Amino acid sequence: MDAERINPFVEAAFAAFGEVTGRGVGRGPVVVRDPGDALRGSCCIAGVTGDLDGVVLFDMGEPEALALAGKVAGRGVSRLGPIEQVAVFGLISLIVRQALASLEQQGLRCQCSTPALLSGPDLRFFFGEREVLTVGLTLSIGQVDLCLALREVRRGG
């Protein structure tokens, strides 16, 4: 996957996380993540279909998920109840949809599923043979990894 496909997701995450936290967002390098790597305890995942196919995953620890939910909700959060979950996956949905709107300007038509929030010990992800590119995002509330397991779908015609 090339930078033209990755950057809209990174840019949308920078804008949304920066606005929610009220601070700048730092960016780490793009790295290929090993299949089967353990996640940090909480993740939000959204499927992408159309000219791109795969998933976008935001990996974070429970403290980051709680802090992010609190920032979105505008109050302190001690657990990820239904309202807090909606706050987190609403933000992730916004990020993914903004990225897909940017990709549409490049001529790629894509849709995304409603995100799902997963949490628990020893979460792992497997996407078959698909390469998973990860960009570390440093927020004022902690580290969030943006993981992209997307491939461009070749349309016949």
C-alpha atoms as a PDB file:
ATOM      1  CA  MET A   1       0.000   0.000   0.000  1.00  0.00           C
ATOM      2  CA  ASP A   2       1.413   3.374  -0.949  1.00  0.00           C
ATOM      3  CA  ALA A   3       1.458   6.739   0.828  1.00  0.00           C
ATOM      4  CA  GLU A   4      -1.436   8.060  -1.284  1.00  0.00           C
ATOM      5  CA  ARG A   5      -3.663   5.416   0.316  1.00  0.00           C
ATOM      6  CA  ILE A   6      -2.244   5.692   3.859  1.00  0.00           C
ATOM      7  CA  ASN A   7      -2.035   9.470   4.246  1.00  0.00           C
ATOM      8  CA  PRO A   8      -5.793  10.203   4.192  1.00  0.00           C
ATOM      9  CA  PHE A   9      -6.233   7.951   7.244  1.00  0.00           C
ATOM     10  CA  VAL A  10      -3.263   9.513   9.051  1.00  0.00           C
ATOM     11  CA  GLU A  11      -4.396  13.059   8.220  1.00  0.00           C
ATOM     12  CA  ALA A  12      -7.973  12.377   9.342  1.00  0.00           C
ATOM     13  CA  ALA A  13      -6.700  10.811  12.600  1.00  0.00           C
ATOM     14  CA  PHE A  14      -4.396  13.798  13.247  1.00  0.00           C
ATOM     15  CA  ALA A  15      -7.247  16.250  12.742  1.00  0.00           C
ATOM     16  CA  ALA A  16      -9.828  14.381  14.832  1.00  0.00           C
ATOM     17  CA  PHE A  17      -7.533  13.335  17.686  1.00  0.00           C
ATOM     18  CA  GLY A  18      -5.974  16.805  17.795  1.00  0.00           C
ATOM     19  CA  GLU A  19      -9.380  18.439  18.035  1.00  0.00           C
ATOM     20  CA  VAL A  20     -10.678  16.029  20.684  1.00  0.00           C
ATOM     21  CA  THR A  21      -7.576  16.191  22.889  1.00  0.00           C
ATOM     22  CA  GLY A  22      -6.908  19.878  22.263  1.00  0.00           C
ATOM     23  CA  ARG A  23      -3.268  19.149  21.509  1.00  0.00           C
ATOM     24  CA  GLY A  24      -1.040  18.177  18.633  1.00  0.00           C
ATOM     25  CA  VAL A  25      -0.504  14.590  17.593  1.00  0.00           C
ATOM     26  CA  GLY A  26       2.927  13.063  17.042  1.00  0.00           C
ATOM     27  CA  ARG A  27       3.556  10.536  14.290  1.00  0.00           C
ATOM     28  CA  GLY A  28       5.841   7.555  14.338  1.00  0.00           C
ATOM     29  CA  PRO A  29       7.177   5.726  11.304  1.00  0.00           C
ATOM     30  CA  VAL A  30       5.088   3.426   9.119  1.00  0.00           C
ATOM     31  CA  VAL A  31       6.024  -0.135  10.025  1.00  0.00           C
ATOM     32  CA  VAL A  32       4.818  -3.552   8.923  1.00  0.00           C
ATOM     33  CA  ARG A  33       3.227  -5.263  11.899  1.00  0.00           C
ATOM     34  CA  ASP A  34       3.772  -8.958  12.420  1.00  0.00           C
ATOM     35  CA  PRO A  35       0.651 -11.087  11.918  1.00  0.00           C
ATOM     36  CA  GLY A  36      -0.677 -12.350  15.202  1.00  0.00           C
ATOM     37  CA  ASP A  37       0.804  -9.532  17.284  1.00  0.00           C
ATOM     38  CA  ALA A  38      -1.067  -9.024  20.518  1.00  0.00           C
ATOM     39  CA  LEU A  39      -3.126  -5.879  20.761  1.00  0.00           C
ATOM     40  CA  ARG A  40      -2.834  -3.605  23.783  1.00  0.00           C
ATOM     41  CA  GLY A  41      -6.254  -4.293  25.303  1.00  0.00           C
ATOM     42  CA  SER A  42      -8.742  -2.118  23.417  1.00  0.00           C
ATOM     43  CA  CYS A  43      -9.200  -1.655  19.722  1.00  0.00           C
ATOM     44  CA  CYS A  44     -11.726  -0.165  17.388  1.00  0.00           C
ATOM     45  CA  ILE A  45     -12.054  -1.801  13.990  1.00  0.00           C
ATOM     46  CA  ALA A  46     -13.938  -0.771  10.843  1.00  0.00           C
ATOM     47  CA  GLY A  47     -14.268  -2.717   7.608  1.00  0.00           C
ATOM     48  CA  VAL A  48     -13.674  -1.050   4.238  1.00  0.00           C
ATOM     49  CA  THR A  49     -15.143  -2.270   0.957  1.00  0.00           C
ATOM     50  CA  GLY A  50     -15.198  -0.973  -2.597  1.00  0.00           C
ATOM     51  CA  ASP A  51     -12.079   0.047  -4.492  1.00  0.00           C
ATOM     52  CA  LEU A  52     -10.164  -0.682  -1.282  1.00  0.00           C
ATOM     53  CA  ASP A  53     -10.899  -3.801   0.725  1.00  0.00           C
ATOM     54  CA  GLY A  54      -9.866  -4.661   4.269  1.00  0.00           C
ATOM     55  CA  VAL A  55      -9.891  -3.166   7.736  1.00  0.00           C
ATOM     56  CA  VAL A  56      -8.766  -0.110   9.647  1.00  0.00           C
ATOM     57  CA  LEU A  57      -7.917  -0.788  13.275  1.00  0.00           C
ATOM     58  CA  PHE A  58      -7.068   1.638  16.067  1.00  0.00           C
ATOM     59  CA  ASP A  59      -5.112  -0.188  18.766  1.00  0.00           C
ATOM     60  CA  MET A  60      -4.784   1.299  22.256  1.00  0.00           C
ATOM     61  CA  GLY A  61      -4.557   0.301  25.876  1.00  0.00           C
ATOM     62  CA  GLU A  62      -7.549   0.548  28.180  1.00  0.00           C
ATOM     63  CA  PRO A  63      -6.248   3.779  29.788  1.00  0.00           C
ATOM     64  CA  GLU A  64      -6.102   5.447  26.362  1.00  0.00           C
ATOM     65  CA  ALA A  65      -9.568   4.158  25.454  1.00  0.00           C
ATOM     66  CA  LEU A  66     -10.991   5.515  28.723  1.00  0.00           C
ATOM     67  CA  ALA A  67      -9.230   8.856  28.292  1.00  0.00           C
ATOM     68  CA  LEU A  68     -10.386   9.141  24.691  1.00  0.00           C
ATOM     69  CA  ALA A  69     -13.980   8.321  25.665  1.00  0.00           C
ATOM     70  CA  GLY A  70     -13.748  10.922  28.419  1.00  0.00           C
ATOM     71  CA  LYS A  71     -12.463  13.581  26.029  1.00  0.00           C
ATOM     72  CA  VAL A  72     -15.266  12.871  23.542  1.00  0.00           C
ATOM     73  CA  ALA A  73     -17.923  12.713  26.268  1.00  0.00           C
ATOM     74  CA  GLY A  74     -16.551  15.795  28.037  1.00  0.00           C
ATOM     75  CA  ARG A  75     -16.337  14.108  31.436  1.00  0.00           C
ATOM     76  CA  GLY A  76     -14.279  11.632  33.417  1.00  0.00           C
ATOM     77  CA  VAL A  77     -14.779   7.991  32.471  1.00  0.00           C
ATOM     78  CA  SER A  78     -13.947   4.992  34.667  1.00  0.00           C
ATOM     79  CA  ARG A  79     -15.312   2.221  32.436  1.00  0.00           C
ATOM     80  CA  LEU A  80     -16.329   1.698  28.824  1.00  0.00           C
ATOM     81  CA  GLY A  81     -20.087   1.451  29.178  1.00  0.00           C
ATOM     82  CA  PRO A  82     -22.454   1.710  26.213  1.00  0.00           C
ATOM     83  CA  ILE A  83     -22.370   5.527  26.055  1.00  0.00           C
ATOM     84  CA  GLU A  84     -18.579   5.621  26.236  1.00  0.00           C
ATOM     85  CA  GLN A  85     -18.305   2.936  23.562  1.00  0.00           C
ATOM     86  CA  VAL A  86     -20.516   4.985  21.261  1.00  0.00           C
ATOM     87  CA  ALA A  87     -18.285   8.007  21.905  1.00  0.00           C
ATOM     88  CA  VAL A  88     -15.149   6.102  20.879  1.00  0.00           C
ATOM     89  CA  PHE A  89     -16.506   4.355  17.828  1.00  0.00           C
ATOM     90  CA  GLY A  90     -18.295   7.532  16.731  1.00  0.00           C
ATOM     91  CA  LEU A  91     -14.919   9.266  16.644  1.00  0.00           C
ATOM     92  CA  ILE A  92     -13.303   6.350  14.801  1.00  0.00           C
ATOM     93  CA  SER A  93     -16.183   6.279  12.302  1.00  0.00           C
ATOM     94  CA  LEU A  94     -15.662   9.995  11.662  1.00  0.00           C
ATOM     95  CA  ILE A  95     -11.937   9.441  11.037  1.00  0.00           C
ATOM     96  CA  VAL A  96     -12.507   6.555   8.619  1.00  0.00           C
ATOM     97  CA  ARG A  97     -15.290   8.361   6.754  1.00  0.00           C
ATOM     98  CA  GLN A  98     -13.161  11.504   6.366  1.00  0.00           C
ATOM     99  CA  ALA A  99     -10.308   9.389   5.006  1.00  0.00           C
ATOM    100  CA  LEU A 100     -12.642   7.672   2.543  1.00  0.00           C
ATOM    101  CA  ALA A 101     -13.957  11.060   1.394  1.00  0.00           C
ATOM    102  CA  SER A 102     -10.343  12.098   0.647  1.00  0.00           C
ATOM    103  CA  LEU A 103      -9.764   8.853  -1.230  1.00  0.00           C
ATOM    104  CA  GLU A 104     -12.908   9.478  -3.259  1.00  0.00           C
ATOM    105  CA  GLN A 105     -11.302  12.720  -4.453  1.00  0.00           C
ATOM    106  CA  GLN A 106      -8.495  10.480  -5.772  1.00  0.00           C
ATOM    107  CA  GLY A 107     -11.074   8.452  -7.681  1.00  0.00           C
ATOM    108  CA  LEU A 108     -11.479   5.561  -5.218  1.00  0.00           C
ATOM    109  CA  ARG A 109     -15.007   4.750  -4.130  1.00  0.00           C
ATOM    110  CA  CYS A 110     -15.227   2.997  -0.780  1.00  0.00           C
ATOM    111  CA  GLN A 111     -17.651   2.404   2.057  1.00  0.00           C
ATOM    112  CA  CYS A 112     -17.014   1.525   5.688  1.00  0.00           C
ATOM    113  CA  SER A 113     -18.849  -0.580   8.193  1.00  0.00           C
ATOM    114  CA  THR A 114     -19.971   0.652  11.563  1.00  0.00           C
ATOM    115  CA  PRO A 115     -16.921   0.314  13.809  1.00  0.00           C
ATOM    116  CA  ALA A 116     -16.752  -2.273  16.550  1.00  0.00           C
ATOM    117  CA  LEU A 117     -14.966  -1.732  19.847  1.00  0.00           C
ATOM    118  CA  LEU A 118     -13.199  -4.793  21.249  1.00  0.00           C
ATOM    119  CA  SER A 119     -11.486  -5.043  24.606  1.00  0.00           C
ATOM    120  CA  GLY A 120      -9.941  -7.712  26.737  1.00  0.00           C
ATOM    121  CA  PRO A 121      -6.684  -9.436  27.529  1.00  0.00           C
ATOM    122  CA  ASP A 122      -4.652 -11.158  24.837  1.00  0.00           C
ATOM    123  CA  LEU A 123      -6.539  -9.773  21.819  1.00  0.00           C
ATOM    124  CA  ARG A 124      -4.845 -10.729  18.549  1.00  0.00           C
ATOM    125  CA  PHE A 125      -5.566  -9.953  14.941  1.00  0.00           C
ATOM    126  CA  PHE A 126      -5.107 -12.056  11.836  1.00  0.00           C
ATOM    127  CA  PHE A 127      -5.798 -10.840   8.316  1.00  0.00           C
ATOM    128  CA  GLY A 128      -4.564 -13.812   6.342  1.00  0.00           C
ATOM    129  CA  GLU A 129      -1.809 -12.969   3.909  1.00  0.00           C
ATOM    130  CA  ARG A 130      -2.597  -9.270   4.019  1.00  0.00           C
ATOM    131  CA  GLU A 131       0.162  -6.888   5.071  1.00  0.00           C
ATOM    132  CA  VAL A 132      -0.684  -4.736   8.105  1.00  0.00           C
ATOM    133  CA  LEU A 133       0.879  -1.277   8.067  1.00  0.00           C
ATOM    134  CA  THR A 134       0.979   0.519  11.409  1.00  0.00           C
ATOM    135  CA  VAL A 135       1.484   4.199  12.162  1.00  0.00           C
ATOM    136  CA  GLY A 136       2.067   5.066  15.808  1.00  0.00           C
ATOM    137  CA  LEU A 137       0.176   8.172  16.901  1.00  0.00           C
ATOM    138  CA  THR A 138       1.288   9.916  20.082  1.00  0.00           C
ATOM    139  CA  LEU A 139      -1.567  11.796  21.721  1.00  0.00           C
ATOM    140  CA  SER A 140      -1.584  13.747  24.971  1.00  0.00           C
ATOM    141  CA  ILE A 141      -3.559  10.824  26.460  1.00  0.00           C
ATOM    142  CA  GLY A 142      -1.092   8.153  25.306  1.00  0.00           C
ATOM    143  CA  GLN A 143      -0.238   6.002  22.296  1.00  0.00           C
ATOM    144  CA  VAL A 144      -2.736   4.889  19.651  1.00  0.00           C
ATOM    145  CA  ASP A 145      -1.625   2.725  16.722  1.00  0.00           C
ATOM    146  CA  LEU A 146      -3.398   3.159  13.406  1.00  0.00           C
ATOM    147  CA  CYS A 147      -3.261  -0.245  11.685  1.00  0.00           C
ATOM    148  CA  LEU A 148      -4.228  -0.559   8.022  1.00  0.00           C
ATOM    149  CA  ALA A 149      -4.810  -3.919   6.369  1.00  0.00           C
ATOM    150  CA  LEU A 150      -6.121  -2.690   3.031  1.00  0.00           C
ATOM    151  CA  ARG A 151      -5.589  -3.696  -0.557  1.00  0.00           C
ATOM    152  CA  GLU A 152      -6.685  -2.022  -3.734  1.00  0.00           C
ATOM    153  CA  VAL A 153      -9.294  -4.010  -5.640  1.00  0.00           C
ATOM    154  CA  ARG A 154      -8.630  -4.264  -9.346  1.00  0.00           C
ATOM    155  CA  ARG A 155     -11.812  -3.809 -11.312  1.00  0.00           C
ATOM    156  CA  GLY A 156     -12.144  -5.411 -14.716  1.00  0.00           C
ATOM    157  CA  GLY A 157     -13.571  -3.409 -17.521  1.00  0.00           C
END
